[in-house]
C-alpha cells in the first residue's frame, strides 16, 4: 500500500533497521508533550453544586 512491501523490507538487515527507525520516529513524534496533556479540555463550573450533596 505505502512504500515497499513488508516481505522485501526484511530481506536486508539495513533495510529492516531503517524501516524500524522510521516506525520508532513516528511513534516518538506522535506523543504529546507533558504541558499539552496536562491541560483539561473543559473547565468545570465553580458555582455548580450537585443536588444530591448532603453538605448543603
N, C-alpha and C. Protein backbone atom coordinates (compact mmCIF):
# COMPACT_ATOMS: atom_id res chain seq x y z
N UNK A 1 0.82 -1.18 0.00
CA UNK A 1 0.00 0.00 0.00
C UNK A 1 0.88 1.25 0.00
N UNK A 2 1.69 1.43 1.05
CA UNK A 2 2.57 2.59 1.14
C UNK A 2 4.02 2.10 1.11
N UNK A 3 4.84 2.69 0.28
CA UNK A 3 6.25 2.34 0.26
C UNK A 3 6.50 0.96 -0.31
N UNK A 4 7.43 0.24 0.32
CA UNK A 4 7.80 -1.09 -0.17
C UNK A 4 6.98 -2.16 0.54
N UNK A 5 7.03 -3.36 -0.02
CA UNK A 5 6.31 -4.48 0.60
C UNK A 5 7.05 -4.91 1.87
N UNK A 6 6.32 -5.45 2.81
CA UNK A 6 6.91 -5.87 4.08
C UNK A 6 7.84 -7.06 3.87
N UNK A 7 7.61 -7.89 2.86
CA UNK A 7 8.48 -9.04 2.61
C UNK A 7 9.83 -8.60 2.06
N UNK A 8 9.88 -7.51 1.33
CA UNK A 8 11.16 -7.04 0.79
C UNK A 8 11.94 -6.21 1.81
N UNK A 9 11.28 -5.70 2.83
CA UNK A 9 11.97 -4.91 3.85
C UNK A 9 12.93 -5.78 4.64
N UNK A 10 12.51 -6.99 4.99
CA UNK A 10 13.31 -7.84 5.86
C UNK A 10 14.27 -8.75 5.11
N UNK A 11 14.47 -8.54 3.81
CA UNK A 11 15.47 -9.32 3.08
C UNK A 11 16.87 -8.81 3.36
N UNK A 12 17.00 -7.57 3.76
CA UNK A 12 18.28 -6.98 4.06
C UNK A 12 18.24 -6.42 5.48
N UNK A 13 19.31 -6.64 6.24
CA UNK A 13 19.35 -6.19 7.63
C UNK A 13 19.24 -4.68 7.74
N UNK A 14 19.92 -3.94 6.88
CA UNK A 14 19.92 -2.49 6.97
C UNK A 14 18.58 -1.90 6.54
N UNK A 15 17.91 -2.55 5.62
CA UNK A 15 16.56 -2.10 5.26
C UNK A 15 15.62 -2.26 6.45
N UNK A 16 15.79 -3.37 7.17
CA UNK A 16 14.94 -3.61 8.34
C UNK A 16 15.23 -2.59 9.45
N UNK A 17 16.51 -2.27 9.65
CA UNK A 17 16.87 -1.28 10.66
C UNK A 17 16.31 0.09 10.29
N UNK A 18 16.43 0.46 9.02
CA UNK A 18 15.91 1.75 8.57
C UNK A 18 14.40 1.81 8.72
N UNK A 19 13.72 0.73 8.37
CA UNK A 19 12.26 0.68 8.49
C UNK A 19 11.84 0.79 9.95
N UNK A 20 12.54 0.07 10.84
CA UNK A 20 12.16 0.12 12.26
C UNK A 20 12.46 1.49 12.87
N UNK A 21 13.53 2.16 12.43
CA UNK A 21 13.80 3.51 12.92
C UNK A 21 12.71 4.48 12.47
N UNK A 22 12.18 4.28 11.28
CA UNK A 22 11.07 5.12 10.83
C UNK A 22 9.83 4.92 11.67
N UNK A 23 9.56 3.67 12.03
CA UNK A 23 8.40 3.38 12.89
C UNK A 23 8.60 3.99 14.27
N UNK A 24 9.80 3.86 14.84
CA UNK A 24 10.06 4.43 16.16
C UNK A 24 10.01 5.96 16.14
N UNK A 25 10.49 6.57 15.07
CA UNK A 25 10.43 8.03 14.97
C UNK A 25 8.99 8.51 14.87
N UNK A 26 8.16 7.78 14.15
CA UNK A 26 6.74 8.13 14.04
C UNK A 26 6.06 8.03 15.40
N UNK A 27 6.36 6.96 16.14
CA UNK A 27 5.77 6.80 17.46
C UNK A 27 6.24 7.89 18.42
N UNK A 28 7.52 8.26 18.35
CA UNK A 28 8.06 9.30 19.23
C UNK A 28 7.44 10.66 18.92
N UNK A 29 7.24 10.96 17.67
CA UNK A 29 6.70 12.26 17.28
C UNK A 29 5.20 12.38 17.52
N UNK A 30 4.51 11.26 17.69
CA UNK A 30 3.07 11.32 17.88
C UNK A 30 2.66 11.45 19.34
N UNK A 31 3.60 11.36 20.28
CA UNK A 31 3.30 11.50 21.70
C UNK A 31 3.25 12.99 22.05
N UNK A 32 2.17 13.48 22.68
CA UNK A 32 2.10 14.91 23.03
C UNK A 32 3.07 15.25 24.15
N UNK A 33 3.47 16.52 24.21
CA UNK A 33 4.35 16.98 25.27
C UNK A 33 3.57 17.07 26.58
N UNK A 34 4.24 17.02 27.73
CA UNK A 34 3.53 16.99 29.02
C UNK A 34 2.62 18.19 29.26
N UNK A 35 3.00 19.39 28.86
CA UNK A 35 2.14 20.55 29.11
C UNK A 35 0.89 20.53 28.25
N UNK A 36 0.93 19.85 27.09
CA UNK A 36 -0.28 19.72 26.28
C UNK A 36 -1.26 18.73 26.90
N UNK A 37 -0.75 17.66 27.47
CA UNK A 37 -1.60 16.63 28.04
C UNK A 37 -2.14 17.02 29.42
N UNK A 38 -1.47 17.92 30.12
CA UNK A 38 -1.87 18.27 31.48
C UNK A 38 -3.07 19.22 31.53
N UNK A 39 -3.31 19.98 30.47
CA UNK A 39 -4.40 20.94 30.46
C UNK A 39 -5.73 20.23 30.20
N UNK A 40 -6.73 20.45 31.05
CA UNK A 40 -8.04 19.84 30.79
C UNK A 40 -8.72 20.51 29.60
N UNK A 41 -9.52 19.76 28.90
CA UNK A 41 -10.20 20.28 27.71
C UNK A 41 -11.30 21.26 28.10
N UNK A 42 -12.07 20.93 29.15
CA UNK A 42 -13.18 21.78 29.58
C UNK A 42 -13.02 22.02 31.08
N UNK A 43 -13.11 23.29 31.48
CA UNK A 43 -13.02 23.61 32.90
C UNK A 43 -14.41 23.47 33.53
N UNK A 44 -14.51 22.80 34.69
CA UNK A 44 -15.82 22.68 35.34
C UNK A 44 -16.23 24.02 35.95
N UNK A 45 -17.52 24.21 36.06
CA UNK A 45 -18.05 25.43 36.66
C UNK A 45 -17.87 25.40 38.17
N UNK A 46 -17.35 26.48 38.75
CA UNK A 46 -17.08 26.53 40.18
C UNK A 46 -18.38 26.68 40.99
N UNK A 47 -19.41 27.31 40.44
CA UNK A 47 -20.64 27.58 41.17
C UNK A 47 -21.61 26.40 41.14
N UNK A 48 -21.34 25.40 40.38
CA UNK A 48 -22.26 24.27 40.26
C UNK A 48 -22.10 23.33 41.44
N UNK A 49 -23.22 22.99 42.06
CA UNK A 49 -23.23 22.02 43.15
C UNK A 49 -24.24 20.94 42.81
N UNK A 50 -23.92 19.73 43.24
CA UNK A 50 -24.81 18.61 42.98
C UNK A 50 -26.07 18.73 43.84
N UNK A 51 -27.26 18.45 43.29
CA UNK A 51 -28.48 18.49 44.09
C UNK A 51 -28.53 17.34 45.10
N UNK A 52 -27.69 16.35 44.95
CA UNK A 52 -27.66 15.20 45.85
C UNK A 52 -26.61 15.36 46.95
N UNK A 53 -25.96 16.52 47.02
CA UNK A 53 -24.92 16.76 48.01
C UNK A 53 -25.56 16.98 49.39
N UNK A 54 -25.18 16.22 50.42
CA UNK A 54 -25.76 16.31 51.75
C UNK A 54 -25.21 17.48 52.55
N UNK A 55 -24.04 18.02 52.16
CA UNK A 55 -23.39 19.07 52.95
C UNK A 55 -24.04 20.43 52.74
N UNK A 56 -24.91 20.60 51.82
CA UNK A 56 -25.54 21.90 51.55
C UNK A 56 -26.74 22.09 52.40
